[in-house]
């Protein structure tokens, strides 16, 4: 092959690749046909042509939908990126939130959903009535893969490492605090000490442990290190070890929903992010106090695939999140 010679590639209609991308994402010919505004027979015919061109089954019909073959899995990510590159090169349409009809998919845990979703949805109802949100849990899925193949538009959380392909913006600096019921004996102390903290049973939040691949409180997936512990366990244990004490972990929860019930009229103390503590103070009359140890705040990030950085719709949604986060940060 000459140096400047371009390798031969199959001559494939670009529309067939758009059909492949839609079926891969939706796992359904029916849903793909609605997305592309085509008939089901047109989508099926397009898949047949593409199968012949690539000499692969690509999708197998099962009770769970159209399951991709190994070849389809291999080409899905690069193909999605190529299609988006073509779209950006040819020209991206302006995004008008007042008339747009689009669905964004976010990945977030229940704590972030609790503090962010209500104000964000109120804003969307006013500015973009045709925009819909789908929120998926960020705890039990391969987050990196979901972002890579375009199933997740934005993921929210604490991340220790991000590969170059993943871009991010900081929503706020997150600090851990203690949360307890009104009348808790610790509230009567002039200053909470490590010794006092060690005297009380602790309730903590954790979305994954070593059995799920967590190392030092983070799960590593395809270059993304995401938080599994919802507090700085290592710093707490080191601080208590320095005074010859150990934390009394009474219960570890995968979500925050049951926290108010557990803390009600009990001696238990929860360690939670400050925004969640503030929300529970307002709704359930709980009380928060600062931890008696130095813990650096952590940046709470929104992350997305770099191919979407210049997309006007993505830019608009990220701006809405930043503005909502700013209002939450201003609350006492």
C-alpha atoms as a PDB file:
ATOM      1  CA  UNK A   1       0.000   0.000   0.000  1.00  0.00           C
ATOM      2  CA  UNK A   2       1.345   3.436  -0.904  1.00  0.00           C
ATOM      3  CA  UNK A   3       1.906   5.853   1.989  1.00  0.00           C
ATOM      4  CA  UNK A   4      -0.881   8.228   0.899  1.00  0.00           C
ATOM      5  CA  UNK A   5      -3.306   5.523  -0.148  1.00  0.00           C
ATOM      6  CA  UNK A   6      -6.485   5.380   1.910  1.00  0.00           C
ATOM      7  CA  UNK A   7      -7.514   1.856   2.988  1.00  0.00           C
ATOM      8  CA  UNK A   8     -10.664   0.676   1.285  1.00  0.00           C
ATOM      9  CA  UNK A   9     -13.800   0.655   3.407  1.00  0.00           C
ATOM     10  CA  UNK A  10     -17.264  -0.714   2.688  1.00  0.00           C
ATOM     11  CA  UNK A  11     -19.482   1.753   0.840  1.00  0.00           C
ATOM     12  CA  UNK A  12     -22.272   2.234   3.360  1.00  0.00           C
ATOM     13  CA  UNK A  13     -25.177   4.678   3.283  1.00  0.00           C
ATOM     14  CA  UNK A  14     -24.823   7.090   6.209  1.00  0.00           C
ATOM     15  CA  UNK A  15     -28.523   6.627   6.984  1.00  0.00           C
ATOM     16  CA  UNK A  16     -27.877   2.953   7.701  1.00  0.00           C
ATOM     17  CA  UNK A  17     -25.373   3.942  10.367  1.00  0.00           C
ATOM     18  CA  UNK A  18     -27.929   6.272  11.959  1.00  0.00           C
ATOM     19  CA  UNK A  19     -30.349   3.339  12.107  1.00  0.00           C
ATOM     20  CA  UNK A  20     -27.679   1.161  13.715  1.00  0.00           C
ATOM     21  CA  UNK A  21     -26.980   3.844  16.335  1.00  0.00           C
ATOM     22  CA  UNK A  22     -30.668   4.230  17.202  1.00  0.00           C
ATOM     23  CA  UNK A  23     -31.303   0.478  17.486  1.00  0.00           C
ATOM     24  CA  UNK A  24     -28.161   0.049  19.595  1.00  0.00           C
ATOM     25  CA  UNK A  25     -29.238   2.744  22.029  1.00  0.00           C
ATOM     26  CA  UNK A  26     -32.922   1.793  22.243  1.00  0.00           C
ATOM     27  CA  UNK A  27     -32.540  -2.012  21.856  1.00  0.00           C
ATOM     28  CA  UNK A  28     -35.834  -1.871  19.976  1.00  0.00           C
ATOM     29  CA  UNK A  29     -36.844  -1.516  16.322  1.00  0.00           C
ATOM     30  CA  UNK A  30     -40.112   0.107  17.408  1.00  0.00           C
ATOM     31  CA  UNK A  31     -38.419   2.760  19.560  1.00  0.00           C
ATOM     32  CA  UNK A  32     -35.728   3.350  16.945  1.00  0.00           C
ATOM     33  CA  UNK A  33     -38.376   3.862  14.262  1.00  0.00           C
ATOM     34  CA  UNK A  34     -40.127   6.486  16.418  1.00  0.00           C
ATOM     35  CA  UNK A  35     -36.830   8.253  17.123  1.00  0.00           C
ATOM     36  CA  UNK A  36     -35.935   8.359  13.411  1.00  0.00           C
ATOM     37  CA  UNK A  37     -39.505   9.057  12.218  1.00  0.00           C
ATOM     38  CA  UNK A  38     -39.430   5.921  10.041  1.00  0.00           C
ATOM     39  CA  UNK A  39     -41.668   2.893   9.763  1.00  0.00           C
ATOM     40  CA  UNK A  40     -40.646  -0.321  11.516  1.00  0.00           C
ATOM     41  CA  UNK A  41     -40.307  -2.033   8.143  1.00  0.00           C
ATOM     42  CA  UNK A  42     -37.934   0.698   6.953  1.00  0.00           C
ATOM     43  CA  UNK A  43     -35.733   0.210  10.038  1.00  0.00           C
ATOM     44  CA  UNK A  44     -35.780  -3.587   9.573  1.00  0.00           C
ATOM     45  CA  UNK A  45     -34.873  -3.201   5.910  1.00  0.00           C
ATOM     46  CA  UNK A  46     -32.015  -0.842   6.782  1.00  0.00           C
ATOM     47  CA  UNK A  47     -30.670  -3.337   9.306  1.00  0.00           C
ATOM     48  CA  UNK A  48     -30.797  -6.083   6.696  1.00  0.00           C
ATOM     49  CA  UNK A  49     -28.762  -3.977   4.271  1.00  0.00           C
ATOM     50  CA  UNK A  50     -26.235  -3.117   6.968  1.00  0.00           C
ATOM     51  CA  UNK A  51     -25.905  -6.757   8.016  1.00  0.00           C
ATOM     52  CA  UNK A  52     -25.144  -7.677   4.416  1.00  0.00           C
ATOM     53  CA  UNK A  53     -22.567  -4.897   4.082  1.00  0.00           C
ATOM     54  CA  UNK A  54     -20.762  -5.751   7.333  1.00  0.00           C
ATOM     55  CA  UNK A  55     -21.347  -9.502   7.094  1.00  0.00           C
ATOM     56  CA  UNK A  56     -22.478  -9.727  10.693  1.00  0.00           C
ATOM     57  CA  UNK A  57     -25.811 -10.348  12.433  1.00  0.00           C
ATOM     58  CA  UNK A  58     -25.286  -7.128  14.482  1.00  0.00           C
ATOM     59  CA  UNK A  59     -28.473  -7.589  16.584  1.00  0.00           C
ATOM     60  CA  UNK A  60     -30.210 -10.714  17.879  1.00  0.00           C
ATOM     61  CA  UNK A  61     -33.893 -10.527  18.747  1.00  0.00           C
ATOM     62  CA  UNK A  62     -34.491 -11.755  22.325  1.00  0.00           C
ATOM     63  CA  UNK A  63     -37.156 -11.444  24.997  1.00  0.00           C
ATOM     64  CA  UNK A  64     -35.129  -8.512  26.387  1.00  0.00           C
ATOM     65  CA  UNK A  65     -35.027  -6.677  23.070  1.00  0.00           C
ATOM     66  CA  UNK A  66     -32.470  -6.414  20.278  1.00  0.00           C
ATOM     67  CA  UNK A  67     -29.201  -7.573  21.840  1.00  0.00           C
ATOM     68  CA  UNK A  68     -26.012  -6.441  20.043  1.00  0.00           C
ATOM     69  CA  UNK A  69     -23.457  -8.904  18.764  1.00  0.00           C
ATOM     70  CA  UNK A  70     -19.783  -8.696  19.681  1.00  0.00           C
ATOM     71  CA  UNK A  71     -19.118  -6.824  16.417  1.00  0.00           C
ATOM     72  CA  UNK A  72     -21.905  -4.345  17.180  1.00  0.00           C
ATOM     73  CA  UNK A  73     -20.535  -3.728  20.675  1.00  0.00           C
ATOM     74  CA  UNK A  74     -17.088  -3.091  19.207  1.00  0.00           C
ATOM     75  CA  UNK A  75     -18.206  -0.508  16.656  1.00  0.00           C
ATOM     76  CA  UNK A  76     -20.989   1.247  18.620  1.00  0.00           C
ATOM     77  CA  UNK A  77     -18.804   3.723  20.512  1.00  0.00           C
ATOM     78  CA  UNK A  78     -16.546   4.792  17.625  1.00  0.00           C
ATOM     79  CA  UNK A  79     -19.552   4.962  15.298  1.00  0.00           C
ATOM     80  CA  UNK A  80     -21.497   7.243  17.658  1.00  0.00           C
ATOM     81  CA  UNK A  81     -18.487   9.550  17.929  1.00  0.00           C
ATOM     82  CA  UNK A  82     -18.062   9.582  14.142  1.00  0.00           C
ATOM     83  CA  UNK A  83     -21.719  10.501  13.604  1.00  0.00           C
ATOM     84  CA  UNK A  84     -21.471  13.340  16.099  1.00  0.00           C
ATOM     85  CA  UNK A  85     -18.266  14.560  14.461  1.00  0.00           C
ATOM     86  CA  UNK A  86     -20.042  14.662  11.097  1.00  0.00           C
ATOM     87  CA  UNK A  87     -22.939  16.551  12.664  1.00  0.00           C
ATOM     88  CA  UNK A  88     -20.603  19.120  14.206  1.00  0.00           C
ATOM     89  CA  UNK A  89     -18.639  19.482  10.955  1.00  0.00           C
ATOM     90  CA  UNK A  90     -21.673  19.975   8.721  1.00  0.00           C
ATOM     91  CA  UNK A  91     -23.223  22.380  11.180  1.00  0.00           C
ATOM     92  CA  UNK A  92     -25.049  22.191  14.496  1.00  0.00           C
ATOM     93  CA  UNK A  93     -28.520  23.622  14.751  1.00  0.00           C
ATOM     94  CA  UNK A  94     -29.085  26.279  17.385  1.00  0.00           C
ATOM     95  CA  UNK A  95     -30.847  25.118  20.549  1.00  0.00           C
ATOM     96  CA  UNK A  96     -33.981  27.034  21.514  1.00  0.00           C
ATOM     97  CA  UNK A  97     -35.125  25.740  24.925  1.00  0.00           C
ATOM     98  CA  UNK A  98     -38.572  27.294  24.580  1.00  0.00           C
ATOM     99  CA  UNK A  99     -39.399  25.136  21.536  1.00  0.00           C
ATOM    100  CA  UNK A 100     -37.001  22.190  21.912  1.00  0.00           C
ATOM    101  CA  UNK A 101     -38.294  18.649  22.406  1.00  0.00           C
ATOM    102  CA  UNK A 102     -35.457  16.581  23.785  1.00  0.00           C
ATOM    103  CA  UNK A 103     -34.787  14.038  26.505  1.00  0.00           C
ATOM    104  CA  UNK A 104     -31.625  14.278  28.613  1.00  0.00           C
ATOM    105  CA  UNK A 105     -30.417  11.341  30.691  1.00  0.00           C
ATOM    106  CA  UNK A 106     -28.628  12.034  33.968  1.00  0.00           C
ATOM    107  CA  UNK A 107     -26.880   9.625  36.317  1.00  0.00           C
ATOM    108  CA  UNK A 108     -27.108  10.608  39.982  1.00  0.00           C
ATOM    109  CA  UNK A 109     -27.506   9.031  43.400  1.00  0.00           C
ATOM    110  CA  UNK A 110     -30.583   9.628  45.535  1.00  0.00           C
ATOM    111  CA  UNK A 111     -28.919  12.371  47.597  1.00  0.00           C
ATOM    112  CA  UNK A 112     -28.124  14.503  44.544  1.00  0.00           C
ATOM    113  CA  UNK A 113     -31.546  13.794  43.078  1.00  0.00           C
ATOM    114  CA  UNK A 114     -33.120  14.973  46.332  1.00  0.00           C
ATOM    115  CA  UNK A 115     -31.328  18.319  46.468  1.00  0.00           C
ATOM    116  CA  UNK A 116     -31.014  19.133  42.739  1.00  0.00           C
ATOM    117  CA  UNK A 117     -33.994  17.728  40.861  1.00  0.00           C
ATOM    118  CA  UNK A 118     -36.842  19.836  42.248  1.00  0.00           C
ATOM    119  CA  UNK A 119     -35.231  23.242  41.541  1.00  0.00           C
ATOM    120  CA  UNK A 120     -33.902  22.020  38.187  1.00  0.00           C
ATOM    121  CA  UNK A 121     -37.325  20.743  37.075  1.00  0.00           C
ATOM    122  CA  UNK A 122     -38.985  24.012  38.132  1.00  0.00           C
ATOM    123  CA  UNK A 123     -36.486  25.861  35.954  1.00  0.00           C
ATOM    124  CA  UNK A 124     -37.059  23.521  33.006  1.00  0.00           C
ATOM    125  CA  UNK A 125     -40.836  23.857  33.324  1.00  0.00           C
ATOM    126  CA  UNK A 126     -40.482  27.622  32.917  1.00  0.00           C
ATOM    127  CA  UNK A 127     -37.792  27.758  30.242  1.00  0.00           C
ATOM    128  CA  UNK A 128     -38.048  24.466  28.342  1.00  0.00           C
ATOM    129  CA  UNK A 129     -41.475  22.804  28.686  1.00  0.00           C
ATOM    130  CA  UNK A 130     -40.646  20.291  25.928  1.00  0.00           C
ATOM    131  CA  UNK A 131     -37.442  19.058  27.581  1.00  0.00           C
ATOM    132  CA  UNK A 132     -37.673  15.832  29.607  1.00  0.00           C
ATOM    133  CA  UNK A 133     -35.249  14.291  32.108  1.00  0.00           C
ATOM    134  CA  UNK A 134     -34.492  10.643  32.752  1.00  0.00           C
ATOM    135  CA  UNK A 135     -32.504   9.990  35.927  1.00  0.00           C
ATOM    136  CA  UNK A 136     -30.679   6.692  36.287  1.00  0.00           C
ATOM    137  CA  UNK A 137     -28.825   5.487  39.388  1.00  0.00           C
ATOM    138  CA  UNK A 138     -25.101   6.142  39.258  1.00  0.00           C
ATOM    139  CA  UNK A 139     -24.362   3.263  41.611  1.00  0.00           C
ATOM    140  CA  UNK A 140     -25.212  -0.012  39.848  1.00  0.00           C
ATOM    141  CA  UNK A 141     -24.133   0.501  36.261  1.00  0.00           C
ATOM    142  CA  UNK A 142     -20.927   0.734  34.289  1.00  0.00           C
ATOM    143  CA  UNK A 143     -20.983   4.500  34.307  1.00  0.00           C
ATOM    144  CA  UNK A 144     -18.004   4.965  31.994  1.00  0.00           C
ATOM    145  CA  UNK A 145     -19.462   2.656  29.346  1.00  0.00           C
ATOM    146  CA  UNK A 146     -22.853   4.353  29.533  1.00  0.00           C
ATOM    147  CA  UNK A 147     -21.209   7.743  28.957  1.00  0.00           C
ATOM    148  CA  UNK A 148     -19.003   6.389  26.169  1.00  0.00           C
ATOM    149  CA  UNK A 149     -21.894   4.951  24.151  1.00  0.00           C
ATOM    150  CA  UNK A 150     -24.084   8.014  24.689  1.00  0.00           C
ATOM    151  CA  UNK A 151     -26.712   6.591  27.034  1.00  0.00           C
ATOM    152  CA  UNK A 152     -25.786   9.060  29.778  1.00  0.00           C
ATOM    153  CA  UNK A 153     -25.614  12.773  28.951  1.00  0.00           C
ATOM    154  CA  UNK A 154     -24.377  13.951  32.347  1.00  0.00           C
ATOM    155  CA  UNK A 155     -23.227  12.084  35.452  1.00  0.00           C
ATOM    156  CA  UNK A 156     -23.084  13.782  38.845  1.00  0.00           C
ATOM    157  CA  UNK A 157     -20.825  12.797  41.721  1.00  0.00           C
ATOM    158  CA  UNK A 158     -17.365  12.820  43.254  1.00  0.00           C
ATOM    159  CA  UNK A 159     -14.596  11.615  40.962  1.00  0.00           C
ATOM    160  CA  UNK A 160     -10.928  11.158  41.812  1.00  0.00           C
ATOM    161  CA  UNK A 161      -9.764  10.524  38.235  1.00  0.00           C
ATOM    162  CA  UNK A 162     -11.118  11.314  34.789  1.00  0.00           C
ATOM    163  CA  UNK A 163      -9.647  10.311  31.412  1.00  0.00           C
ATOM    164  CA  UNK A 164      -9.063  12.952  28.747  1.00  0.00           C
ATOM    165  CA  UNK A 165     -12.192  11.997  26.824  1.00  0.00           C
ATOM    166  CA  UNK A 166     -14.367  12.937  29.823  1.00  0.00           C
ATOM    167  CA  UNK A 167     -14.924  16.630  30.563  1.00  0.00           C
ATOM    168  CA  UNK A 168     -16.237  18.108  33.803  1.00  0.00           C
ATOM    169  CA  UNK A 169     -17.450  21.180  35.636  1.00  0.00           C
ATOM    170  CA  UNK A 170     -17.628  21.745  39.404  1.00  0.00           C
ATOM    171  CA  UNK A 171     -21.107  22.295  40.843  1.00  0.00           C
ATOM    172  CA  UNK A 172     -19.984  22.926  44.425  1.00  0.00           C
ATOM    173  CA  UNK A 173     -17.382  22.041  47.034  1.00  0.00           C
ATOM    174  CA  UNK A 174     -18.841  19.296  49.209  1.00  0.00           C
ATOM    175  CA  UNK A 175     -18.199  19.060  52.953  1.00  0.00           C
ATOM    176  CA  UNK A 176     -19.199  16.212  55.273  1.00  0.00           C
ATOM    177  CA  UNK A 177     -21.082  17.001  58.499  1.00  0.00           C
ATOM    178  CA  UNK A 178     -22.790  15.144  61.336  1.00  0.00           C
ATOM    179  CA  UNK A 179     -26.586  14.822  61.405  1.00  0.00           C
ATOM    180  CA  UNK A 180     -28.627  13.882  64.485  1.00  0.00           C
ATOM    181  CA  UNK A 181     -32.044  14.209  66.047  1.00  0.00           C
ATOM    182  CA  UNK A 182     -33.068  17.270  68.105  1.00  0.00           C
ATOM    183  CA  UNK A 183     -32.225  16.769  71.769  1.00  0.00           C
ATOM    184  CA  UNK A 184     -29.257  14.533  71.009  1.00  0.00           C
ATOM    185  CA  UNK A 185     -26.756  14.613  73.923  1.00  0.00           C
ATOM    186  CA  UNK A 186     -23.973  15.738  71.574  1.00  0.00           C
ATOM    187  CA  UNK A 187     -25.871  18.968  70.885  1.00  0.00           C
ATOM    188  CA  UNK A 188     -25.451  19.972  74.517  1.00  0.00           C
ATOM    189  CA  UNK A 189     -21.659  19.895  74.324  1.00  0.00           C
ATOM    190  CA  UNK A 190     -19.902  23.277  73.988  1.00  0.00           C
ATOM    191  CA  UNK A 191     -17.711  21.671  71.332  1.00  0.00           C
ATOM    192  CA  UNK A 192     -17.933  18.220  69.756  1.00  0.00           C
ATOM    193  CA  UNK A 193     -14.715  16.242  70.221  1.00  0.00           C
ATOM    194  CA  UNK A 194     -13.354  13.092  68.604  1.00  0.00           C
ATOM    195  CA  UNK A 195     -13.858  11.290  71.911  1.00  0.00           C
ATOM    196  CA  UNK A 196     -17.516  12.290  71.917  1.00  0.00           C
ATOM    197  CA  UNK A 197     -17.963  11.186  68.327  1.00  0.00           C
ATOM    198  CA  UNK A 198     -16.468   7.785  69.148  1.00  0.00           C
ATOM    199  CA  UNK A 199     -19.051   7.309  71.908  1.00  0.00           C
ATOM    200  CA  UNK A 200     -22.012   7.225  69.540  1.00  0.00           C
ATOM    201  CA  UNK A 201     -23.160   4.677  66.928  1.00  0.00           C
ATOM    202  CA  UNK A 202     -22.633   5.893  63.370  1.00  0.00           C
ATOM    203  CA  UNK A 203     -24.855   5.685  60.310  1.00  0.00           C
ATOM    204  CA  UNK A 204     -22.936   6.033  57.028  1.00  0.00           C
ATOM    205  CA  UNK A 205     -23.712   5.980  53.321  1.00  0.00           C
ATOM    206  CA  UNK A 206     -21.831   3.724  50.916  1.00  0.00           C
ATOM    207  CA  UNK A 207     -22.793   2.762  47.370  1.00  0.00           C
ATOM    208  CA  UNK A 208     -20.186   0.020  46.953  1.00  0.00           C
ATOM    209  CA  UNK A 209     -17.453  -1.809  48.820  1.00  0.00           C
ATOM    210  CA  UNK A 210     -14.499  -4.020  48.034  1.00  0.00           C
ATOM    211  CA  UNK A 211     -16.843  -6.683  46.681  1.00  0.00           C
ATOM    212  CA  UNK A 212     -17.704  -4.252  43.870  1.00  0.00           C
ATOM    213  CA  UNK A 213     -14.126  -3.296  43.118  1.00  0.00           C
ATOM    214  CA  UNK A 214     -13.861  -0.263  45.386  1.00  0.00           C
ATOM    215  CA  UNK A 215     -10.321   0.745  46.420  1.00  0.00           C
ATOM    216  CA  UNK A 216      -9.806   3.502  49.002  1.00  0.00           C
ATOM    217  CA  UNK A 217     -13.416   4.550  48.616  1.00  0.00           C
ATOM    218  CA  UNK A 218     -13.445   4.730  44.803  1.00  0.00           C
ATOM    219  CA  UNK A 219     -14.517   2.399  41.989  1.00  0.00           C
ATOM    220  CA  UNK A 220     -12.343   2.517  38.855  1.00  0.00           C
ATOM    221  CA  UNK A 221     -14.104   1.956  35.516  1.00  0.00           C
ATOM    222  CA  UNK A 222     -12.464   2.661  32.144  1.00  0.00           C
ATOM    223  CA  UNK A 223     -10.367   5.479  33.556  1.00  0.00           C
ATOM    224  CA  UNK A 224     -13.146   7.012  35.702  1.00  0.00           C
ATOM    225  CA  UNK A 225     -12.608   6.699  39.454  1.00  0.00           C
ATOM    226  CA  UNK A 226     -15.962   7.417  41.118  1.00  0.00           C
ATOM    227  CA  UNK A 227     -16.728   7.662  44.803  1.00  0.00           C
ATOM    228  CA  UNK A 228     -18.167   4.609  46.523  1.00  0.00           C
ATOM    229  CA  UNK A 229     -18.094   5.884  50.123  1.00  0.00           C
ATOM    230  CA  UNK A 230     -20.287   8.906  50.822  1.00  0.00           C
ATOM    231  CA  UNK A 231     -17.849  10.132  53.475  1.00  0.00           C
ATOM    232  CA  UNK A 232     -14.095  10.137  54.079  1.00  0.00           C
ATOM    233  CA  UNK A 233     -13.854   6.809  55.923  1.00  0.00           C
ATOM    234  CA  UNK A 234     -10.054   6.727  55.843  1.00  0.00           C
ATOM    235  CA  UNK A 235      -9.658  10.196  57.371  1.00  0.00           C
ATOM    236  CA  UNK A 236     -12.185   9.440  60.117  1.00  0.00           C
ATOM    237  CA  UNK A 237     -10.532   6.154  61.072  1.00  0.00           C
ATOM    238  CA  UNK A 238      -7.066   7.719  61.109  1.00  0.00           C
ATOM    239  CA  UNK A 239      -8.247  10.567  63.357  1.00  0.00           C
ATOM    240  CA  UNK A 240      -9.884   8.208  65.856  1.00  0.00           C
ATOM    241  CA  UNK A 241      -6.921   5.804  65.790  1.00  0.00           C
ATOM    242  CA  UNK A 242      -4.689   8.703  66.860  1.00  0.00           C
ATOM    243  CA  UNK A 243      -6.623   8.870  70.169  1.00  0.00           C
ATOM    244  CA  UNK A 244      -6.878   5.103  70.547  1.00  0.00           C
ATOM    245  CA  UNK A 245     -10.515   4.822  69.473  1.00  0.00           C
ATOM    246  CA  UNK A 246     -12.426   3.209  66.610  1.00  0.00           C
ATOM    247  CA  UNK A 247     -15.652   4.339  64.916  1.00  0.00           C
ATOM    248  CA  UNK A 248     -18.756   2.397  65.902  1.00  0.00           C
ATOM    249  CA  UNK A 249     -20.328   1.733  62.499  1.00  0.00           C
ATOM    250  CA  UNK A 250     -23.837   0.673  63.417  1.00  0.00           C
ATOM    251  CA  UNK A 251     -25.332   0.584  59.933  1.00  0.00           C
ATOM    252  CA  UNK A 252     -24.144   1.339  56.401  1.00  0.00           C
ATOM    253  CA  UNK A 253     -26.823   2.334  53.898  1.00  0.00           C
ATOM    254  CA  UNK A 254     -26.823   2.369  50.082  1.00  0.00           C
ATOM    255  CA  UNK A 255     -29.173   5.385  50.017  1.00  0.00           C
ATOM    256  CA  UNK A 256     -30.309   8.226  52.258  1.00  0.00           C
ATOM    257  CA  UNK A 257     -34.094   7.783  52.155  1.00  0.00           C
ATOM    258  CA  UNK A 258     -34.389   5.993  55.508  1.00  0.00           C
ATOM    259  CA  UNK A 259     -31.972   8.260  57.410  1.00  0.00           C
ATOM    260  CA  UNK A 260     -34.593  10.517  59.086  1.00  0.00           C
ATOM    261  CA  UNK A 261     -36.425   7.477  60.465  1.00  0.00           C
ATOM    262  CA  UNK A 262     -33.231   5.926  61.827  1.00  0.00           C
ATOM    263  CA  UNK A 263     -32.129   9.128  63.517  1.00  0.00           C
ATOM    264  CA  UNK A 264     -35.504   9.980  65.013  1.00  0.00           C
ATOM    265  CA  UNK A 265     -35.321   9.800  68.838  1.00  0.00           C
ATOM    266  CA  UNK A 266     -32.075   7.828  68.737  1.00  0.00           C
ATOM    267  CA  UNK A 267     -28.465   8.250  69.850  1.00  0.00           C
ATOM    268  CA  UNK A 268     -27.202   7.497  66.355  1.00  0.00           C
ATOM    269  CA  UNK A 269     -25.184  10.028  64.399  1.00  0.00           C
ATOM    270  CA  UNK A 270     -25.067  10.130  60.588  1.00  0.00           C
ATOM    271  CA  UNK A 271     -22.163  11.431  58.536  1.00  0.00           C
ATOM    272  CA  UNK A 272     -23.573  12.949  55.342  1.00  0.00           C
ATOM    273  CA  UNK A 273     -22.828  15.657  52.753  1.00  0.00           C
ATOM    274  CA  UNK A 274     -23.750  19.145  53.983  1.00  0.00           C
ATOM    275  CA  UNK A 275     -26.398  19.822  51.263  1.00  0.00           C
ATOM    276  CA  UNK A 276     -28.254  16.655  52.274  1.00  0.00           C
ATOM    277  CA  UNK A 277     -27.999  17.571  55.964  1.00  0.00           C
ATOM    278  CA  UNK A 278     -29.427  21.023  55.196  1.00  0.00           C
ATOM    279  CA  UNK A 279     -32.350  19.495  53.297  1.00  0.00           C
ATOM    280  CA  UNK A 280     -33.093  17.080  56.151  1.00  0.00           C
ATOM    281  CA  UNK A 281     -32.878  19.907  58.693  1.00  0.00           C
ATOM    282  CA  UNK A 282     -35.586  21.783  56.799  1.00  0.00           C
ATOM    283  CA  UNK A 283     -37.884  18.824  56.138  1.00  0.00           C
ATOM    284  CA  UNK A 284     -37.475  16.656  59.233  1.00  0.00           C
ATOM    285  CA  UNK A 285     -36.246  19.065  61.941  1.00  0.00           C
ATOM    286  CA  UNK A 286     -32.934  17.237  62.339  1.00  0.00           C
ATOM    287  CA  UNK A 287     -29.776  19.028  63.505  1.00  0.00           C
ATOM    288  CA  UNK A 288     -26.311  19.164  61.983  1.00  0.00           C
ATOM    289  CA  UNK A 289     -22.881  19.867  63.452  1.00  0.00           C
ATOM    290  CA  UNK A 290     -19.399  20.116  61.977  1.00  0.00           C
ATOM    291  CA  UNK A 291     -17.161  17.067  62.234  1.00  0.00           C
ATOM    292  CA  UNK A 292     -14.429  17.347  64.884  1.00  0.00           C
ATOM    293  CA  UNK A 293     -11.670  16.629  62.368  1.00  0.00           C
ATOM    294  CA  UNK A 294     -10.111  18.425  59.437  1.00  0.00           C
ATOM    295  CA  UNK A 295     -11.677  17.156  56.210  1.00  0.00           C
ATOM    296  CA  UNK A 296     -10.947  18.928  52.954  1.00  0.00           C
ATOM    297  CA  UNK A 297     -14.037  19.694  50.853  1.00  0.00           C
ATOM    298  CA  UNK A 298     -14.364  17.676  47.663  1.00  0.00           C
ATOM    299  CA  UNK A 299     -15.519  19.030  44.296  1.00  0.00           C
ATOM    300  CA  UNK A 300     -18.948  17.737  43.293  1.00  0.00           C
ATOM    301  CA  UNK A 301     -18.722  17.352  39.521  1.00  0.00           C
ATOM    302  CA  UNK A 302     -20.964  17.057  36.503  1.00  0.00           C
ATOM    303  CA  UNK A 303     -19.134  14.991  33.862  1.00  0.00           C
ATOM    304  CA  UNK A 304     -19.835  14.254  30.197  1.00  0.00           C
ATOM    305  CA  UNK A 305     -18.148  12.888  27.104  1.00  0.00           C
ATOM    306  CA  UNK A 306     -15.942  15.445  25.371  1.00  0.00           C
ATOM    307  CA  UNK A 307     -17.750  14.968  22.060  1.00  0.00           C
ATOM    308  CA  UNK A 308     -20.739  16.795  23.609  1.00  0.00           C
ATOM    309  CA  UNK A 309     -18.787  19.793  24.922  1.00  0.00           C
ATOM    310  CA  UNK A 310     -19.758  22.089  22.041  1.00  0.00           C
ATOM    311  CA  UNK A 311     -23.315  20.792  21.602  1.00  0.00           C
ATOM    312  CA  UNK A 312     -25.644  23.791  22.216  1.00  0.00           C
ATOM    313  CA  UNK A 313     -28.241  21.662  24.020  1.00  0.00           C
ATOM    314  CA  UNK A 314     -25.611  20.209  26.333  1.00  0.00           C
ATOM    315  CA  UNK A 315     -24.159  23.654  26.969  1.00  0.00           C
ATOM    316  CA  UNK A 316     -27.597  24.927  27.912  1.00  0.00           C
ATOM    317  CA  UNK A 317     -28.331  22.034  30.293  1.00  0.00           C
ATOM    318  CA  UNK A 318     -24.954  22.357  31.991  1.00  0.00           C
ATOM    319  CA  UNK A 319     -25.581  26.067  32.498  1.00  0.00           C
ATOM    320  CA  UNK A 320     -28.944  25.320  34.131  1.00  0.00           C
ATOM    321  CA  UNK A 321     -27.265  22.881  36.505  1.00  0.00           C
ATOM    322  CA  UNK A 322     -24.577  25.408  37.402  1.00  0.00           C
ATOM    323  CA  UNK A 323     -27.149  28.100  38.130  1.00  0.00           C
ATOM    324  CA  UNK A 324     -29.246  25.755  40.280  1.00  0.00           C
ATOM    325  CA  UNK A 325     -26.109  24.636  42.137  1.00  0.00           C
ATOM    326  CA  UNK A 326     -25.175  28.275  42.767  1.00  0.00           C
ATOM    327  CA  UNK A 327     -28.548  28.949  44.410  1.00  0.00           C
ATOM    328  CA  UNK A 328     -28.129  25.894  46.630  1.00  0.00           C
ATOM    329  CA  UNK A 329     -24.640  27.014  47.659  1.00  0.00           C
ATOM    330  CA  UNK A 330     -26.020  30.388  48.719  1.00  0.00           C
ATOM    331  CA  UNK A 331     -28.506  28.837  51.165  1.00  0.00           C
ATOM    332  CA  UNK A 332     -27.489  29.040  54.859  1.00  0.00           C
END
